[in-house]
Amino acid sequence: MPRITWSNPTTGALRHRGYALVRGADLAVDPAARAARPALADEWNRLEPDRYLKDGATFRERRYARFRYLPRTRAVQLLTHRPYFQSTKANRYAGGIHREVAPLSRTSVANPLLGELIRFDFSRFPVDEEALDHPWEVACHQFRTRATAREAGEPTPEGIHRDEIDFGAIHLMDRVNTRGGDSRVHSETGDVIAEFRLEDPLDTMFWSDRDVLHSVSPTAPVDPGRPATRDILILGFTCSPGLRASD
């Protein structure tokens, strides 16, 4: 397995190698917002089935929302809910489809940790000064990957991929009775640069989407008599000049 480093100086790591890893305990978010993590994590119990899985698969549940982030004022604004779209180049599994995904609940949107993570994550990205004057679109995904003795979980059924964003962050919210689910960072040629496991709440991977690709190995239950769940929050940031609050 390639050597990995868990550290806090994420900006330099993103600039030089395209990804950075931070242990949840070391994630320097506001303590008051961190206290809201259990309430936010509980929202994963109210996700909706992913209706775009193939061959009758049931291994994933999700919700999705779009936000507008203004770096200069640190304002976070919920945007109009729209279908989620990726090109077939980015997602060979479900790309080219305007996917109707259930929106985040009002409780999730109002949770202070969600807004704090949007602001905190952005502060870790190596963003040019000019880009701070533009709004950024933030794609917020809640994913639960389920696995049973009969069906493996597939956190990334599209395989090695990009998300067609500028920067992203993956935060682990919870992991129960699960083996596997190892995150991998890949070079342009698909070689594995790093392989690691997000195990504790808020363990985080940051990545520069233009510089590296990523994937996650399948999951399975430790105890085959009980389902395995892996709950992930993904925030994808794209500089979007002209993005309006009404968009």
Protein backbone atom coordinates (compact mmCIF):
# COMPACT_ATOMS: atom_id res chain seq x y z
CA MET A 1 0.00 0.00 0.00
CA PRO A 2 1.41 3.47 -0.87
CA ARG A 3 2.55 5.50 2.11
CA ILE A 4 0.02 8.08 3.33
CA THR A 5 0.26 11.04 5.65
CA TRP A 6 -2.52 12.37 7.86
CA SER A 7 -1.89 16.05 8.49
CA ASN A 8 -3.45 19.49 8.98
CA PRO A 9 -1.55 21.72 6.50
CA THR A 10 -3.99 20.83 3.75
CA THR A 11 -3.42 23.79 1.42
CA GLY A 12 0.22 22.90 0.73
CA ALA A 13 -0.56 19.21 0.31
CA LEU A 14 -3.32 19.96 -2.19
CA ARG A 15 -1.05 22.24 -4.16
CA HIS A 16 1.84 19.80 -4.31
CA ARG A 17 0.24 16.34 -4.50
CA GLY A 18 -3.45 16.93 -5.23
CA TYR A 19 -4.93 15.47 -2.04
CA ALA A 20 -4.75 15.82 1.75
CA LEU A 21 -6.00 13.72 4.67
CA VAL A 22 -7.10 14.98 8.08
CA ARG A 23 -8.20 12.87 11.04
CA GLY A 24 -11.62 13.81 12.34
CA ALA A 25 -10.23 14.57 15.79
CA ASP A 26 -7.79 17.04 14.19
CA LEU A 27 -10.31 18.80 11.97
CA ALA A 28 -10.17 22.35 13.34
CA VAL A 29 -13.84 23.22 12.97
CA ASP A 30 -15.68 25.42 15.44
CA PRO A 31 -16.40 23.38 18.61
CA ALA A 32 -19.99 24.61 18.81
CA ALA A 33 -20.62 23.41 15.25
CA ARG A 34 -18.87 20.10 15.95
CA ALA A 35 -21.33 19.51 18.79
CA ALA A 36 -24.07 19.33 16.14
CA ARG A 37 -22.43 16.35 14.41
CA PRO A 38 -24.63 13.65 16.03
CA ALA A 39 -27.78 15.47 14.92
CA LEU A 40 -26.44 15.86 11.38
CA ALA A 41 -25.28 12.23 11.26
CA ASP A 42 -28.78 11.13 12.26
CA GLU A 43 -30.08 12.63 9.01
CA TRP A 44 -28.50 9.71 7.13
CA ASN A 45 -31.30 7.56 8.57
CA ARG A 46 -33.74 9.51 6.39
CA LEU A 47 -32.12 9.33 2.96
CA GLU A 48 -33.98 8.15 -0.14
CA PRO A 49 -33.10 5.15 -2.36
CA ASP A 50 -30.85 5.89 -5.31
CA ARG A 51 -33.18 5.27 -8.26
CA TYR A 52 -30.39 5.12 -10.83
CA LEU A 53 -28.59 1.97 -9.72
CA LYS A 54 -28.43 -0.79 -12.31
CA ASP A 55 -29.75 -4.35 -12.36
CA GLY A 56 -32.09 -3.84 -9.42
CA ALA A 57 -29.27 -2.94 -7.01
CA THR A 58 -30.21 -1.36 -3.67
CA PHE A 59 -26.81 -0.61 -2.15
CA ARG A 60 -27.03 3.20 -2.03
CA GLU A 61 -29.26 5.90 -0.56
CA ARG A 62 -28.76 9.63 -1.04
CA ARG A 63 -29.89 13.25 -0.87
CA TYR A 64 -28.48 16.27 -2.68
CA ALA A 65 -28.47 20.08 -2.54
CA ARG A 66 -26.73 23.05 -4.18
CA PHE A 67 -25.35 26.02 -2.29
CA ARG A 68 -23.83 29.36 -3.32
CA TYR A 69 -20.76 30.33 -1.33
CA LEU A 70 -19.31 33.86 -1.28
CA PRO A 71 -15.69 33.71 -0.08
CA ARG A 72 -15.33 37.38 0.81
CA THR A 73 -18.33 37.41 3.15
CA ARG A 74 -18.39 33.65 3.92
CA ALA A 75 -22.11 33.64 3.16
CA VAL A 76 -23.75 30.27 2.40
CA GLN A 77 -27.02 30.36 0.45
CA LEU A 78 -29.23 27.43 -0.52
CA LEU A 79 -29.95 27.35 -4.26
CA THR A 80 -33.01 26.09 -6.11
CA HIS A 81 -33.14 22.31 -6.17
CA ARG A 82 -32.36 20.82 -9.56
CA PRO A 83 -31.57 17.38 -11.00
CA TYR A 84 -27.96 16.27 -10.63
CA PHE A 85 -25.98 15.86 -13.84
CA GLN A 86 -22.57 14.46 -14.74
CA SER A 87 -21.16 13.86 -18.20
CA THR A 88 -20.57 10.34 -19.46
CA LYS A 89 -16.85 11.11 -19.45
CA ALA A 90 -16.91 11.70 -15.68
CA ASN A 91 -19.38 8.95 -14.85
CA ARG A 92 -19.59 5.93 -17.12
CA TYR A 93 -22.13 4.33 -14.80
CA ALA A 94 -24.84 7.01 -14.62
CA GLY A 95 -23.50 9.98 -16.56
CA GLY A 96 -25.48 11.77 -19.25
CA ILE A 97 -28.66 11.55 -17.16
CA HIS A 98 -30.40 14.38 -15.33
CA ARG A 99 -30.88 12.43 -12.12
CA GLU A 100 -33.79 13.36 -9.87
CA VAL A 101 -32.33 13.14 -6.36
CA ALA A 102 -34.25 13.91 -3.16
CA PRO A 103 -33.23 17.26 -1.64
CA LEU A 104 -31.55 17.65 1.72
CA SER A 105 -34.05 17.92 4.54
CA ARG A 106 -34.66 21.31 6.15
CA THR A 107 -33.06 19.91 9.30
CA SER A 108 -29.86 19.06 7.43
CA VAL A 109 -29.71 22.48 5.76
CA ALA A 110 -30.21 24.23 9.11
CA ASN A 111 -27.61 22.16 10.97
CA PRO A 112 -24.72 24.50 11.91
CA LEU A 113 -22.07 21.90 11.16
CA LEU A 114 -23.02 21.79 7.48
CA GLY A 115 -22.45 25.50 6.97
CA GLU A 116 -19.29 25.36 9.06
CA LEU A 117 -17.87 22.55 6.91
CA ILE A 118 -18.58 24.49 3.71
CA ARG A 119 -16.67 27.49 5.06
CA PHE A 120 -13.91 25.44 6.66
CA ASP A 121 -13.31 23.24 3.62
CA PHE A 122 -13.06 26.23 1.30
CA SER A 123 -10.47 27.85 3.57
CA ARG A 124 -8.21 24.80 2.98
CA PHE A 125 -8.17 25.03 -0.82
CA PRO A 126 -5.26 26.70 -2.69
CA VAL A 127 -7.50 29.27 -4.37
CA ASP A 128 -6.13 32.20 -6.37
CA GLU A 129 -6.90 35.65 -4.97
CA GLU A 130 -9.01 36.54 -8.00
CA ALA A 131 -11.29 33.56 -7.46
CA LEU A 132 -12.23 34.91 -4.02
CA ASP A 133 -14.23 37.65 -5.75
CA HIS A 134 -16.52 35.15 -7.49
CA PRO A 135 -19.33 32.98 -6.12
CA TRP A 136 -18.72 29.25 -5.88
CA GLU A 137 -21.29 26.53 -6.40
CA VAL A 138 -21.16 23.84 -3.73
CA ALA A 139 -22.69 20.45 -4.54
CA CYS A 140 -23.65 18.76 -1.28
CA HIS A 141 -24.21 14.98 -1.33
CA GLN A 142 -25.36 12.76 1.51
CA PHE A 143 -24.57 9.12 0.67
CA ARG A 144 -25.22 5.92 2.59
CA THR A 145 -23.67 2.78 1.12
CA ARG A 146 -25.37 -0.38 2.40
CA ALA A 147 -24.03 -3.91 2.17
CA THR A 148 -25.50 -7.25 3.18
CA ALA A 149 -24.44 -10.87 2.95
CA ARG A 150 -26.25 -10.97 -0.39
CA GLU A 151 -25.22 -7.63 -1.89
CA ALA A 152 -21.89 -5.82 -1.74
CA GLY A 153 -21.87 -2.08 -1.29
CA GLU A 154 -20.42 0.02 -4.12
CA PRO A 155 -19.52 3.54 -2.90
CA THR A 156 -18.28 4.46 -6.39
CA PRO A 157 -19.98 2.22 -8.96
CA GLU A 158 -18.55 4.49 -11.66
CA GLY A 159 -15.03 3.32 -10.76
CA ILE A 160 -11.99 5.57 -11.01
CA HIS A 161 -13.32 9.03 -11.78
CA ARG A 162 -13.37 12.79 -11.53
CA ASP A 163 -16.36 14.81 -10.33
CA GLU A 164 -15.95 17.73 -12.76
CA ILE A 165 -15.43 20.27 -9.97
CA ASP A 166 -12.47 22.36 -8.82
CA PHE A 167 -12.01 21.01 -5.29
CA GLY A 168 -13.80 18.51 -3.08
CA ALA A 169 -13.99 17.16 0.45
CA ILE A 170 -15.25 13.80 1.69
CA HIS A 171 -16.23 13.67 5.36
CA LEU A 172 -17.05 10.39 7.10
CA MET A 173 -20.20 10.77 9.18
CA ASP A 174 -20.49 7.19 10.44
CA ARG A 175 -19.41 3.64 9.71
CA VAL A 176 -21.19 0.61 11.19
CA ASN A 177 -20.38 -3.12 10.82
CA THR A 178 -18.39 -2.37 7.68
CA ARG A 179 -15.23 -3.82 6.19
CA GLY A 180 -13.73 -2.51 3.00
CA GLY A 181 -14.70 0.92 1.72
CA ASP A 182 -11.06 1.93 1.27
CA SER A 183 -10.53 5.27 -0.46
CA ARG A 184 -8.00 5.45 -3.26
CA VAL A 185 -6.33 8.39 -4.97
CA HIS A 186 -5.17 7.78 -8.55
CA SER A 187 -2.83 9.40 -11.02
CA GLU A 188 -3.91 10.30 -14.56
CA THR A 189 -2.88 6.82 -15.68
CA GLY A 190 -4.98 5.16 -12.97
CA ASP A 191 -2.08 4.15 -10.75
CA VAL A 192 -2.86 4.18 -7.03
CA ILE A 193 -1.09 7.11 -5.34
CA ALA A 194 -2.61 6.54 -1.91
CA GLU A 195 -4.99 4.08 -0.26
CA PHE A 196 -6.54 4.64 3.16
CA ARG A 197 -9.67 4.11 5.21
CA LEU A 198 -11.91 6.78 6.68
CA GLU A 199 -12.84 5.15 9.99
CA ASP A 200 -13.77 7.74 12.60
CA PRO A 201 -16.37 10.52 12.48
CA LEU A 202 -15.22 13.48 10.37
CA ASP A 203 -12.13 11.71 9.01
CA THR A 204 -11.67 13.72 5.83
CA MET A 205 -10.10 13.61 2.39
CA PHE A 206 -9.60 16.85 0.46
CA TRP A 207 -8.72 16.69 -3.23
CA SER A 208 -8.01 18.84 -6.25
CA ASP A 209 -10.26 17.36 -8.91
CA ARG A 210 -8.14 18.56 -11.83
CA ASP A 211 -4.99 16.94 -10.45
CA VAL A 212 -6.06 13.48 -9.26
CA LEU A 213 -8.77 10.87 -9.70
CA HIS A 214 -10.38 8.82 -6.93
CA SER A 215 -12.37 5.68 -6.18
CA VAL A 216 -13.55 3.57 -3.22
CA SER A 217 -13.40 -0.21 -2.85
CA PRO A 218 -16.59 -2.25 -2.22
CA THR A 219 -17.97 -2.73 1.28
CA ALA A 220 -19.25 -5.83 3.07
CA PRO A 221 -20.60 -6.55 6.57
CA VAL A 222 -18.25 -7.65 9.34
CA ASP A 223 -21.16 -9.55 10.86
CA PRO A 224 -23.04 -11.06 7.89
CA GLY A 225 -26.19 -11.24 10.00
CA ARG A 226 -26.46 -7.44 10.07
CA PRO A 227 -26.29 -4.81 7.32
CA ALA A 228 -23.17 -2.68 6.91
CA THR A 229 -23.48 1.07 6.45
CA ARG A 230 -20.95 3.74 5.42
CA ASP A 231 -22.23 7.32 5.64
CA ILE A 232 -20.42 10.03 3.70
CA LEU A 233 -20.85 13.76 3.19
CA ILE A 234 -19.30 15.03 -0.04
CA LEU A 235 -18.90 18.74 -0.76
CA GLY A 236 -17.82 19.68 -4.28
CA PHE A 237 -16.71 23.27 -4.97
CA THR A 238 -16.72 24.93 -8.40
CA CYS A 239 -15.83 28.56 -9.09
CA SER A 240 -18.94 29.93 -10.83
CA PRO A 241 -18.71 33.59 -11.92
CA GLY A 242 -22.17 35.00 -12.45
CA LEU A 243 -23.92 32.43 -10.24
CA ARG A 244 -26.91 34.20 -8.70
CA ALA A 245 -28.80 33.43 -5.51
CA SER A 246 -31.88 32.81 -7.66
CA ASP A 247 -30.17 30.20 -9.87
